[in-house]
Amino acid sequence: MLPDNPNLTIEDCIASCSSQGFTLAGAEFGVQCFCGNTLVNGATVGQAADCNMNCIGNPNETCGGPNRLSVYTSTGNVVVFPVPTPQNTSLPNGWAYQGCLQDTNARVFPNQLDWVTNNTVVDCINQCQTFGFPAAGLEFGSQCFCGDVSDAQNNSPGLAPEIDCSIPCSGDPAHLCGGPDLLSYYAFNGSLDVWHTPSNTGRYEFLIGGLVVPLVATVGINGKVNFLEKLGTGFPNSTGAYELDLSLVNDFEHAWRELHVHSDVFCSASLILPDKGARQLNVGGWSLDSTYGVRLVCSRWNSWC
């Protein structure tokens, strides 16, 4: 609704609405101009004679009447939404409408999203569910709140009469999204704590005595494991890196092969490159020149290194 215009004409009302990107303009009570893209609240066509008030700015034009709109469209098609209701169907699986919940100044639910033009019940619930929350509340048409069911139980004075939640959703005028300090409250009724134990849970097994206290251990696609440890500040006489061949764990003398690093890998990070050589890229370090270290550790000496 635009401010009352003591010089209102149909042309002025249409121009004002069009300049703001709206496709509908409605003049009412001689001085009022309304803009929008749809008609809401179950609008119906009235008797033409009921629009009987002249535009104040042009007595030769009709600008609606008491609770009557002279409506103009730029598209030729007018979408009419019914009187909005709480959405009880077509909800995400496991969710159900709980009622019109009273909010407080401190907020019942702690997490808020503002969707000025596109708030819907389903989108709000989906977003809360994505964040892992089992409760969602929609307020003032454009606000979406997420939290826990216990928040509704502990932080709200309780349910209000259904009629008090009366504001349509900004993105779905057919459904209600709360009211002033009132939440259209939805909760997940399914089971949250569902654990799926894999058939193969794995196990720990002692394979072979070790040569290092590794800081980084990486398994390559070639069935070998690289172990990197501190250099210079670790155990004496260590080369700082060893490779374990898992196919030789029963042969200690041949299972281990010395690798070498030339700066301290303490506080470094590693990743395995996606190639057949199972090369390891190690970056960073503890202090001095090692902080600039970029190391390429190979599981075997070949052209890939």
C-alpha atoms as a PDB file:
ATOM      1  CA  MET A   1       0.000   0.000   0.000  1.00  0.00           C
ATOM      2  CA  LEU A   2       1.252   3.441  -0.918  1.00  0.00           C
ATOM      3  CA  PRO A   3       0.559   6.547   1.216  1.00  0.00           C
ATOM      4  CA  ASP A   4      -2.852   8.132   0.654  1.00  0.00           C
ATOM      5  CA  ASN A   5      -2.696  10.451  -2.344  1.00  0.00           C
ATOM      6  CA  PRO A   6      -5.090  13.462  -2.319  1.00  0.00           C
ATOM      7  CA  ASN A   7      -4.443  13.810  -6.072  1.00  0.00           C
ATOM      8  CA  LEU A   8      -4.803  10.131  -6.960  1.00  0.00           C
ATOM      9  CA  THR A   9      -5.605   9.085 -10.505  1.00  0.00           C
ATOM     10  CA  ILE A  10      -5.610   5.639 -12.071  1.00  0.00           C
ATOM     11  CA  GLU A  11      -2.655   6.655 -14.215  1.00  0.00           C
ATOM     12  CA  ASP A  12      -0.664   7.751 -11.135  1.00  0.00           C
ATOM     13  CA  CYS A  13      -1.417   4.499  -9.299  1.00  0.00           C
ATOM     14  CA  ILE A  14      -0.422   2.327 -12.275  1.00  0.00           C
ATOM     15  CA  ALA A  15       2.775   4.334 -12.831  1.00  0.00           C
ATOM     16  CA  SER A  16       3.764   4.063  -9.158  1.00  0.00           C
ATOM     17  CA  CYS A  17       3.259   0.282  -9.097  1.00  0.00           C
ATOM     18  CA  SER A  18       4.962  -0.274 -12.450  1.00  0.00           C
ATOM     19  CA  SER A  19       8.037   1.734 -11.373  1.00  0.00           C
ATOM     20  CA  GLN A  20       8.480  -0.698  -8.461  1.00  0.00           C
ATOM     21  CA  GLY A  21       8.254  -3.776 -10.670  1.00  0.00           C
ATOM     22  CA  PHE A  22       4.698  -4.802  -9.778  1.00  0.00           C
ATOM     23  CA  THR A  23       2.244  -6.157 -12.333  1.00  0.00           C
ATOM     24  CA  LEU A  24      -0.964  -5.284 -10.462  1.00  0.00           C
ATOM     25  CA  ALA A  25      -2.313  -1.928  -9.335  1.00  0.00           C
ATOM     26  CA  GLY A  26      -5.470  -1.388  -7.326  1.00  0.00           C
ATOM     27  CA  ALA A  27      -7.170   1.876  -6.411  1.00  0.00           C
ATOM     28  CA  GLU A  28      -9.494   2.057  -3.382  1.00  0.00           C
ATOM     29  CA  PHE A  29     -11.567   4.622  -1.499  1.00  0.00           C
ATOM     30  CA  GLY A  30     -10.636   7.408  -3.894  1.00  0.00           C
ATOM     31  CA  VAL A  31      -7.185   8.099  -2.397  1.00  0.00           C
ATOM     32  CA  GLN A  32      -5.532   4.700  -1.823  1.00  0.00           C
ATOM     33  CA  CYS A  33      -3.210   2.821  -4.204  1.00  0.00           C
ATOM     34  CA  PHE A  34      -2.150  -0.808  -3.690  1.00  0.00           C
ATOM     35  CA  CYS A  35       0.553  -2.710  -5.611  1.00  0.00           C
ATOM     36  CA  GLY A  36       1.350  -6.394  -5.995  1.00  0.00           C
ATOM     37  CA  ASN A  37       1.844  -9.325  -8.331  1.00  0.00           C
ATOM     38  CA  THR A  38      -1.033 -11.487  -7.068  1.00  0.00           C
ATOM     39  CA  LEU A  39      -4.341 -11.141  -5.258  1.00  0.00           C
ATOM     40  CA  VAL A  40      -4.433 -12.812  -1.855  1.00  0.00           C
ATOM     41  CA  ASN A  41      -6.828 -13.721   0.943  1.00  0.00           C
ATOM     42  CA  GLY A  42      -9.343 -15.333  -1.385  1.00  0.00           C
ATOM     43  CA  ALA A  43     -10.069 -12.208  -3.421  1.00  0.00           C
ATOM     44  CA  THR A  44     -13.274 -12.457  -5.484  1.00  0.00           C
ATOM     45  CA  VAL A  45     -14.766 -10.360  -8.248  1.00  0.00           C
ATOM     46  CA  GLY A  46     -17.392  -7.947  -6.921  1.00  0.00           C
ATOM     47  CA  GLN A  47     -20.177  -5.996  -8.544  1.00  0.00           C
ATOM     48  CA  ALA A  48     -18.917  -3.223 -10.791  1.00  0.00           C
ATOM     49  CA  ALA A  49     -21.433  -0.846  -9.175  1.00  0.00           C
ATOM     50  CA  ASP A  50     -19.704  -1.329  -5.804  1.00  0.00           C
ATOM     51  CA  CYS A  51     -16.653   0.565  -7.120  1.00  0.00           C
ATOM     52  CA  ASN A  52     -18.474   3.890  -6.872  1.00  0.00           C
ATOM     53  CA  MET A  53     -15.919   6.389  -5.572  1.00  0.00           C
ATOM     54  CA  ASN A  54     -14.314   8.895  -7.935  1.00  0.00           C
ATOM     55  CA  CYS A  55     -10.555   9.386  -7.930  1.00  0.00           C
ATOM     56  CA  ILE A  56      -9.776  12.549  -5.971  1.00  0.00           C
ATOM     57  CA  GLY A  57      -7.299  13.615  -8.652  1.00  0.00           C
ATOM     58  CA  ASN A  58      -9.713  12.982 -11.523  1.00  0.00           C
ATOM     59  CA  PRO A  59     -13.469  12.849 -10.830  1.00  0.00           C
ATOM     60  CA  ASN A  60     -14.008  11.270 -14.254  1.00  0.00           C
ATOM     61  CA  GLU A  61     -12.219   8.092 -13.099  1.00  0.00           C
ATOM     62  CA  THR A  62     -13.354   5.488 -10.578  1.00  0.00           C
ATOM     63  CA  CYS A  63     -10.935   4.554  -7.769  1.00  0.00           C
ATOM     64  CA  GLY A  64     -12.677   1.664  -6.067  1.00  0.00           C
ATOM     65  CA  GLY A  65     -14.938   2.101  -3.095  1.00  0.00           C
ATOM     66  CA  PRO A  66     -15.213   1.104   0.589  1.00  0.00           C
ATOM     67  CA  ASN A  67     -13.344  -2.223   0.746  1.00  0.00           C
ATOM     68  CA  ARG A  68     -13.447  -2.375  -3.045  1.00  0.00           C
ATOM     69  CA  LEU A  69     -10.512  -2.208  -5.469  1.00  0.00           C
ATOM     70  CA  SER A  70     -10.431  -1.089  -9.065  1.00  0.00           C
ATOM     71  CA  VAL A  71      -7.746  -3.531 -10.267  1.00  0.00           C
ATOM     72  CA  TYR A  72      -5.480  -3.125 -13.302  1.00  0.00           C
ATOM     73  CA  THR A  73      -2.930  -5.639 -14.618  1.00  0.00           C
ATOM     74  CA  SER A  74      -0.014  -5.372 -17.040  1.00  0.00           C
ATOM     75  CA  THR A  75       0.004  -9.094 -17.831  1.00  0.00           C
ATOM     76  CA  GLY A  76      -3.628  -9.875 -18.565  1.00  0.00           C
ATOM     77  CA  ASN A  77      -3.567 -12.759 -16.065  1.00  0.00           C
ATOM     78  CA  VAL A  78      -4.334 -12.316 -12.381  1.00  0.00           C
ATOM     79  CA  VAL A  79      -3.312 -15.050  -9.927  1.00  0.00           C
ATOM     80  CA  VAL A  80      -5.624 -15.288  -6.922  1.00  0.00           C
ATOM     81  CA  PHE A  81      -4.503 -17.092  -3.776  1.00  0.00           C
ATOM     82  CA  PRO A  82      -7.026 -18.494  -1.286  1.00  0.00           C
ATOM     83  CA  VAL A  83      -7.332 -17.430   2.328  1.00  0.00           C
ATOM     84  CA  PRO A  84      -4.025 -18.675   3.815  1.00  0.00           C
ATOM     85  CA  THR A  85      -4.046 -21.629   6.198  1.00  0.00           C
ATOM     86  CA  PRO A  86      -1.420 -23.499   8.204  1.00  0.00           C
ATOM     87  CA  GLN A  87       0.363 -26.007   5.978  1.00  0.00           C
ATOM     88  CA  ASN A  88      -0.470 -29.501   7.200  1.00  0.00           C
ATOM     89  CA  THR A  89       0.258 -31.550   4.070  1.00  0.00           C
ATOM     90  CA  SER A  90       3.152 -32.037   1.639  1.00  0.00           C
ATOM     91  CA  LEU A  91       5.648 -31.522   4.454  1.00  0.00           C
ATOM     92  CA  PRO A  92       9.110 -33.118   4.536  1.00  0.00           C
ATOM     93  CA  ASN A  93       8.968 -36.710   5.790  1.00  0.00           C
ATOM     94  CA  GLY A  94       8.564 -36.994   9.559  1.00  0.00           C
ATOM     95  CA  TRP A  95       7.533 -33.367  10.161  1.00  0.00           C
ATOM     96  CA  ALA A  96       4.151 -32.221  11.467  1.00  0.00           C
ATOM     97  CA  TYR A  97       2.464 -28.935  12.321  1.00  0.00           C
ATOM     98  CA  GLN A  98       2.246 -28.342  16.094  1.00  0.00           C
ATOM     99  CA  GLY A  99       0.306 -25.094  16.349  1.00  0.00           C
ATOM    100  CA  CYS A 100       0.638 -21.334  16.760  1.00  0.00           C
ATOM    101  CA  LEU A 101       3.432 -20.919  19.322  1.00  0.00           C
ATOM    102  CA  GLN A 102       4.038 -17.773  21.354  1.00  0.00           C
ATOM    103  CA  ASP A 103       7.489 -16.239  20.877  1.00  0.00           C
ATOM    104  CA  THR A 104       9.327 -13.998  23.366  1.00  0.00           C
ATOM    105  CA  ASN A 105      11.712 -11.050  23.189  1.00  0.00           C
ATOM    106  CA  ALA A 106      14.532 -13.476  23.990  1.00  0.00           C
ATOM    107  CA  ARG A 107      13.371 -15.773  21.146  1.00  0.00           C
ATOM    108  CA  VAL A 108      12.123 -19.326  21.583  1.00  0.00           C
ATOM    109  CA  PHE A 109      14.480 -20.695  18.918  1.00  0.00           C
ATOM    110  CA  PRO A 110      18.035 -19.305  18.817  1.00  0.00           C
ATOM    111  CA  ASN A 111      18.791 -19.561  15.079  1.00  0.00           C
ATOM    112  CA  GLN A 112      17.165 -17.135  12.640  1.00  0.00           C
ATOM    113  CA  LEU A 113      16.989 -16.773   8.857  1.00  0.00           C
ATOM    114  CA  ASP A 114      15.296 -13.844   7.119  1.00  0.00           C
ATOM    115  CA  TRP A 115      13.716 -14.555   3.735  1.00  0.00           C
ATOM    116  CA  VAL A 116      11.955 -11.323   2.874  1.00  0.00           C
ATOM    117  CA  THR A 117      10.494 -12.500  -0.437  1.00  0.00           C
ATOM    118  CA  ASN A 118      10.801 -16.306  -0.505  1.00  0.00           C
ATOM    119  CA  ASN A 119       9.969 -17.776   2.893  1.00  0.00           C
ATOM    120  CA  THR A 120       7.933 -21.000   2.740  1.00  0.00           C
ATOM    121  CA  VAL A 121       7.131 -23.690   5.284  1.00  0.00           C
ATOM    122  CA  VAL A 122       8.860 -26.439   3.316  1.00  0.00           C
ATOM    123  CA  ASP A 123      12.014 -24.397   2.655  1.00  0.00           C
ATOM    124  CA  CYS A 124      12.275 -23.406   6.316  1.00  0.00           C
ATOM    125  CA  ILE A 125      11.856 -26.996   7.507  1.00  0.00           C
ATOM    126  CA  ASN A 126      14.372 -28.285   4.970  1.00  0.00           C
ATOM    127  CA  GLN A 127      16.936 -25.707   6.048  1.00  0.00           C
ATOM    128  CA  CYS A 128      16.463 -26.513   9.738  1.00  0.00           C
ATOM    129  CA  GLN A 129      16.713 -30.226   8.958  1.00  0.00           C
ATOM    130  CA  THR A 130      19.930 -29.630   6.995  1.00  0.00           C
ATOM    131  CA  PHE A 131      21.397 -27.907  10.047  1.00  0.00           C
ATOM    132  CA  GLY A 132      20.359 -30.887  12.189  1.00  0.00           C
ATOM    133  CA  PHE A 133      17.525 -29.192  14.095  1.00  0.00           C
ATOM    134  CA  PRO A 134      14.268 -31.067  14.845  1.00  0.00           C
ATOM    135  CA  ALA A 135      12.136 -27.930  15.307  1.00  0.00           C
ATOM    136  CA  ALA A 136      11.239 -25.058  12.967  1.00  0.00           C
ATOM    137  CA  GLY A 137       9.177 -21.920  13.444  1.00  0.00           C
ATOM    138  CA  LEU A 138       8.014 -19.331  10.943  1.00  0.00           C
ATOM    139  CA  GLU A 139       7.202 -15.824  12.095  1.00  0.00           C
ATOM    140  CA  PHE A 140       5.956 -12.530  10.674  1.00  0.00           C
ATOM    141  CA  GLY A 141       5.766 -13.992   7.176  1.00  0.00           C
ATOM    142  CA  SER A 142       9.463 -13.705   6.340  1.00  0.00           C
ATOM    143  CA  GLN A 143      11.344 -15.193   9.307  1.00  0.00           C
ATOM    144  CA  CYS A 144      12.482 -18.798   9.727  1.00  0.00           C
ATOM    145  CA  PHE A 145      13.741 -20.035  13.096  1.00  0.00           C
ATOM    146  CA  CYS A 146      15.480 -23.331  13.895  1.00  0.00           C
ATOM    147  CA  GLY A 147      16.070 -25.043  17.219  1.00  0.00           C
ATOM    148  CA  ASP A 148      15.261 -28.014  19.399  1.00  0.00           C
ATOM    149  CA  VAL A 149      11.900 -29.279  20.597  1.00  0.00           C
ATOM    150  CA  SER A 150      13.088 -28.572  24.127  1.00  0.00           C
ATOM    151  CA  ASP A 151      13.413 -24.878  23.169  1.00  0.00           C
ATOM    152  CA  ALA A 152       9.681 -24.749  22.479  1.00  0.00           C
ATOM    153  CA  GLN A 153       8.950 -26.501  25.756  1.00  0.00           C
ATOM    154  CA  ASN A 154      11.304 -24.395  27.886  1.00  0.00           C
ATOM    155  CA  ASN A 155      11.282 -20.939  26.260  1.00  0.00           C
ATOM    156  CA  SER A 156       7.697 -20.364  25.114  1.00  0.00           C
ATOM    157  CA  PRO A 157       4.645 -19.443  27.252  1.00  0.00           C
ATOM    158  CA  GLY A 158       2.729 -21.974  25.167  1.00  0.00           C
ATOM    159  CA  LEU A 159       0.354 -22.174  22.233  1.00  0.00           C
ATOM    160  CA  ALA A 160      -1.829 -19.255  21.159  1.00  0.00           C
ATOM    161  CA  PRO A 161      -5.195 -19.424  19.357  1.00  0.00           C
ATOM    162  CA  GLU A 162      -4.773 -20.511  15.747  1.00  0.00           C
ATOM    163  CA  ILE A 163      -6.376 -17.314  14.468  1.00  0.00           C
ATOM    164  CA  ASP A 164      -3.485 -15.258  15.901  1.00  0.00           C
ATOM    165  CA  CYS A 165      -1.006 -16.711  13.368  1.00  0.00           C
ATOM    166  CA  SER A 166      -2.404 -14.718  10.473  1.00  0.00           C
ATOM    167  CA  ILE A 167       0.472 -13.531   8.250  1.00  0.00           C
ATOM    168  CA  PRO A 168       0.979 -15.288   4.868  1.00  0.00           C
ATOM    169  CA  CYS A 169       4.416 -16.637   4.009  1.00  0.00           C
ATOM    170  CA  SER A 170       6.422 -14.186   1.905  1.00  0.00           C
ATOM    171  CA  GLY A 171       7.111 -16.915  -0.649  1.00  0.00           C
ATOM    172  CA  ASP A 172       3.764 -18.753  -0.424  1.00  0.00           C
ATOM    173  CA  PRO A 173       0.681 -16.586   0.160  1.00  0.00           C
ATOM    174  CA  ALA A 174      -1.505 -19.710   0.361  1.00  0.00           C
ATOM    175  CA  HIS A 175      -0.023 -20.700   3.726  1.00  0.00           C
ATOM    176  CA  LEU A 176       0.569 -18.982   7.048  1.00  0.00           C
ATOM    177  CA  CYS A 177       3.960 -18.125   8.505  1.00  0.00           C
ATOM    178  CA  GLY A 178       3.150 -17.001  12.026  1.00  0.00           C
ATOM    179  CA  GLY A 179       2.375 -13.471  13.143  1.00  0.00           C
ATOM    180  CA  PRO A 180       3.820 -10.735  15.374  1.00  0.00           C
ATOM    181  CA  ASP A 181       5.727 -12.641  18.106  1.00  0.00           C
ATOM    182  CA  LEU A 182       3.946 -15.803  17.010  1.00  0.00           C
ATOM    183  CA  LEU A 183       5.439 -18.877  15.359  1.00  0.00           C
ATOM    184  CA  SER A 184       3.873 -21.395  13.023  1.00  0.00           C
ATOM    185  CA  TYR A 185       5.585 -24.271  14.796  1.00  0.00           C
ATOM    186  CA  TYR A 186       6.678 -27.531  13.150  1.00  0.00           C
ATOM    187  CA  ALA A 187       8.534 -30.437  14.748  1.00  0.00           C
ATOM    188  CA  PHE A 188      10.147 -33.651  13.571  1.00  0.00           C
ATOM    189  CA  ASN A 189       8.348 -36.685  14.962  1.00  0.00           C
ATOM    190  CA  GLY A 190      10.734 -39.338  13.673  1.00  0.00           C
ATOM    191  CA  SER A 191      13.742 -40.897  15.378  1.00  0.00           C
ATOM    192  CA  LEU A 192      16.883 -38.753  15.402  1.00  0.00           C
ATOM    193  CA  ASP A 193      19.314 -41.198  16.998  1.00  0.00           C
ATOM    194  CA  VAL A 194      19.497 -43.921  14.366  1.00  0.00           C
ATOM    195  CA  TRP A 195      22.881 -45.649  14.209  1.00  0.00           C
ATOM    196  CA  HIS A 196      23.848 -47.898  11.313  1.00  0.00           C
ATOM    197  CA  THR A 197      26.678 -50.230  12.276  1.00  0.00           C
ATOM    198  CA  PRO A 198      28.581 -51.512   9.217  1.00  0.00           C
ATOM    199  CA  SER A 199      28.852 -55.258   8.754  1.00  0.00           C
ATOM    200  CA  ASN A 200      32.657 -54.938   8.663  1.00  0.00           C
ATOM    201  CA  THR A 201      33.742 -52.738  11.548  1.00  0.00           C
ATOM    202  CA  GLY A 202      37.460 -53.479  11.173  1.00  0.00           C
ATOM    203  CA  ARG A 203      39.937 -54.291  13.917  1.00  0.00           C
ATOM    204  CA  TYR A 204      43.341 -53.440  15.342  1.00  0.00           C
ATOM    205  CA  GLU A 205      46.106 -55.953  14.877  1.00  0.00           C
ATOM    206  CA  PHE A 206      49.819 -55.917  15.740  1.00  0.00           C
ATOM    207  CA  LEU A 207      51.726 -56.477  12.497  1.00  0.00           C
ATOM    208  CA  ILE A 208      55.384 -55.715  13.141  1.00  0.00           C
ATOM    209  CA  GLY A 209      57.727 -53.893  15.476  1.00  0.00           C
ATOM    210  CA  GLY A 210      58.277 -50.268  14.525  1.00  0.00           C
ATOM    211  CA  LEU A 211      61.366 -48.147  13.916  1.00  0.00           C
ATOM    212  CA  VAL A 212      59.851 -44.704  14.444  1.00  0.00           C
ATOM    213  CA  VAL A 213      57.341 -42.721  16.450  1.00  0.00           C
ATOM    214  CA  PRO A 214      55.536 -41.294  13.418  1.00  0.00           C
ATOM    215  CA  LEU A 215      53.975 -37.875  13.138  1.00  0.00           C
ATOM    216  CA  VAL A 216      52.478 -38.692   9.752  1.00  0.00           C
ATOM    217  CA  ALA A 217      51.452 -42.153   8.527  1.00  0.00           C
ATOM    218  CA  THR A 218      50.013 -42.573   5.038  1.00  0.00           C
ATOM    219  CA  VAL A 219      48.836 -45.651   3.169  1.00  0.00           C
ATOM    220  CA  GLY A 220      49.593 -45.724  -0.554  1.00  0.00           C
ATOM    221  CA  ILE A 221      47.683 -47.484  -3.302  1.00  0.00           C
ATOM    222  CA  ASN A 222      50.674 -49.805  -3.707  1.00  0.00           C
ATOM    223  CA  GLY A 223      50.149 -51.517  -0.352  1.00  0.00           C
ATOM    224  CA  LYS A 224      52.998 -49.655   1.373  1.00  0.00           C
ATOM    225  CA  VAL A 225      52.883 -47.259   4.318  1.00  0.00           C
ATOM    226  CA  ASN A 226      55.073 -44.182   4.756  1.00  0.00           C
ATOM    227  CA  PHE A 227      55.991 -43.015   8.256  1.00  0.00           C
ATOM    228  CA  LEU A 228      57.445 -39.546   8.803  1.00  0.00           C
ATOM    229  CA  GLU A 229      58.920 -38.430  12.120  1.00  0.00           C
ATOM    230  CA  LYS A 230      60.769 -35.471  13.591  1.00  0.00           C
ATOM    231  CA  LEU A 231      64.215 -34.866  12.106  1.00  0.00           C
ATOM    232  CA  GLY A 232      66.988 -33.520  14.283  1.00  0.00           C
ATOM    233  CA  THR A 233      64.780 -33.237  17.364  1.00  0.00           C
ATOM    234  CA  GLY A 234      63.579 -36.851  17.341  1.00  0.00           C
ATOM    235  CA  PHE A 235      65.398 -40.110  18.024  1.00  0.00           C
ATOM    236  CA  PRO A 236      69.172 -40.131  17.337  1.00  0.00           C
ATOM    237  CA  ASN A 237      70.393 -41.640  14.060  1.00  0.00           C
ATOM    238  CA  SER A 238      66.934 -41.567  12.494  1.00  0.00           C
ATOM    239  CA  THR A 239      66.592 -40.640   8.840  1.00  0.00           C
ATOM    240  CA  GLY A 240      63.199 -39.112   9.602  1.00  0.00           C
ATOM    241  CA  ALA A 241      61.211 -41.371   7.268  1.00  0.00           C
ATOM    242  CA  TYR A 242      60.620 -45.089   6.677  1.00  0.00           C
ATOM    243  CA  GLU A 243      58.536 -47.175   4.336  1.00  0.00           C
ATOM    244  CA  LEU A 244      56.763 -50.363   5.439  1.00  0.00           C
ATOM    245  CA  ASP A 245      55.930 -53.026   2.870  1.00  0.00           C
ATOM    246  CA  LEU A 246      52.765 -54.685   4.182  1.00  0.00           C
ATOM    247  CA  SER A 247      53.459 -57.831   2.164  1.00  0.00           C
ATOM    248  CA  LEU A 248      56.621 -58.396   4.195  1.00  0.00           C
ATOM    249  CA  VAL A 249      55.410 -57.887   7.751  1.00  0.00           C
ATOM    250  CA  ASN A 250      56.640 -61.382   8.654  1.00  0.00           C
ATOM    251  CA  ASP A 251      60.174 -60.473   7.542  1.00  0.00           C
ATOM    252  CA  PHE A 252      61.422 -57.636   9.733  1.00  0.00           C
ATOM    253  CA  GLU A 253      64.787 -57.316   7.946  1.00  0.00           C
ATOM    254  CA  HIS A 254      63.177 -56.615   4.586  1.00  0.00           C
ATOM    255  CA  ALA A 255      59.846 -55.055   5.539  1.00  0.00           C
ATOM    256  CA  TRP A 256      61.346 -51.662   6.383  1.00  0.00           C
ATOM    257  CA  ARG A 257      63.177 -49.365   3.992  1.00  0.00           C
ATOM    258  CA  GLU A 258      64.850 -46.119   4.940  1.00  0.00           C
ATOM    259  CA  LEU A 259      63.605 -42.921   3.342  1.00  0.00           C
ATOM    260  CA  HIS A 260      65.053 -39.503   4.014  1.00  0.00           C
ATOM    261  CA  VAL A 261      63.848 -36.010   4.838  1.00  0.00           C
ATOM    262  CA  HIS A 262      66.106 -32.977   5.015  1.00  0.00           C
ATOM    263  CA  SER A 263      64.107 -30.706   7.325  1.00  0.00           C
ATOM    264  CA  ASP A 264      61.886 -31.203  10.347  1.00  0.00           C
ATOM    265  CA  VAL A 265      58.349 -32.385   9.493  1.00  0.00           C
ATOM    266  CA  PHE A 266      57.016 -31.603  12.961  1.00  0.00           C
ATOM    267  CA  CYS A 267      53.689 -29.694  12.567  1.00  0.00           C
ATOM    268  CA  SER A 268      53.583 -30.415   8.827  1.00  0.00           C
ATOM    269  CA  ALA A 269      50.696 -31.751   6.745  1.00  0.00           C
ATOM    270  CA  SER A 270      50.556 -34.460   4.078  1.00  0.00           C
ATOM    271  CA  LEU A 271      48.409 -35.738   1.264  1.00  0.00           C
ATOM    272  CA  ILE A 272      48.757 -38.656  -1.151  1.00  0.00           C
ATOM    273  CA  LEU A 273      48.971 -37.764  -4.820  1.00  0.00           C
ATOM    274  CA  PRO A 274      46.589 -39.743  -7.068  1.00  0.00           C
ATOM    275  CA  ASP A 275      49.198 -41.579  -9.104  1.00  0.00           C
ATOM    276  CA  LYS A 276      50.538 -45.127  -9.303  1.00  0.00           C
ATOM    277  CA  GLY A 277      53.703 -44.186  -7.445  1.00  0.00           C
ATOM    278  CA  ALA A 278      51.678 -43.323  -4.302  1.00  0.00           C
ATOM    279  CA  ARG A 279      53.791 -40.236  -3.783  1.00  0.00           C
ATOM    280  CA  GLN A 280      53.243 -38.197  -0.638  1.00  0.00           C
ATOM    281  CA  LEU A 281      53.317 -34.403  -0.686  1.00  0.00           C
ATOM    282  CA  ASN A 282      54.344 -32.969   2.683  1.00  0.00           C
ATOM    283  CA  VAL A 283      54.173 -29.226   3.440  1.00  0.00           C
ATOM    284  CA  GLY A 284      55.323 -27.043   6.332  1.00  0.00           C
ATOM    285  CA  GLY A 285      57.187 -27.831   9.504  1.00  0.00           C
ATOM    286  CA  TRP A 286      58.259 -26.817  12.974  1.00  0.00           C
ATOM    287  CA  SER A 287      60.718 -23.920  12.723  1.00  0.00           C
ATOM    288  CA  LEU A 288      63.342 -22.095  10.647  1.00  0.00           C
ATOM    289  CA  ASP A 289      63.818 -23.537   7.145  1.00  0.00           C
ATOM    290  CA  SER A 290      61.412 -26.408   7.823  1.00  0.00           C
ATOM    291  CA  THR A 291      58.478 -23.965   7.816  1.00  0.00           C
ATOM    292  CA  TYR A 292      59.201 -23.433   4.115  1.00  0.00           C
ATOM    293  CA  GLY A 293      59.480 -27.151   3.404  1.00  0.00           C
ATOM    294  CA  VAL A 294      57.684 -28.740   0.464  1.00  0.00           C
ATOM    295  CA  ARG A 295      58.691 -32.407   0.398  1.00  0.00           C
ATOM    296  CA  LEU A 296      57.904 -35.157  -2.087  1.00  0.00           C
ATOM    297  CA  VAL A 297      58.205 -38.558  -0.427  1.00  0.00           C
ATOM    298  CA  CYS A 298      58.185 -41.596  -2.703  1.00  0.00           C
ATOM    299  CA  SER A 299      57.228 -45.145  -1.825  1.00  0.00           C
ATOM    300  CA  ARG A 300      59.674 -46.491  -4.372  1.00  0.00           C
ATOM    301  CA  TRP A 301      62.468 -45.088  -6.506  1.00  0.00           C
ATOM    302  CA  ASN A 302      61.150 -44.778 -10.038  1.00  0.00           C
ATOM    303  CA  SER A 303      60.518 -42.229 -12.723  1.00  0.00           C
ATOM    304  CA  TRP A 304      57.492 -40.944 -10.826  1.00  0.00           C
ATOM    305  CA  CYS A 305      59.642 -39.284  -8.192  1.00  0.00           C
END
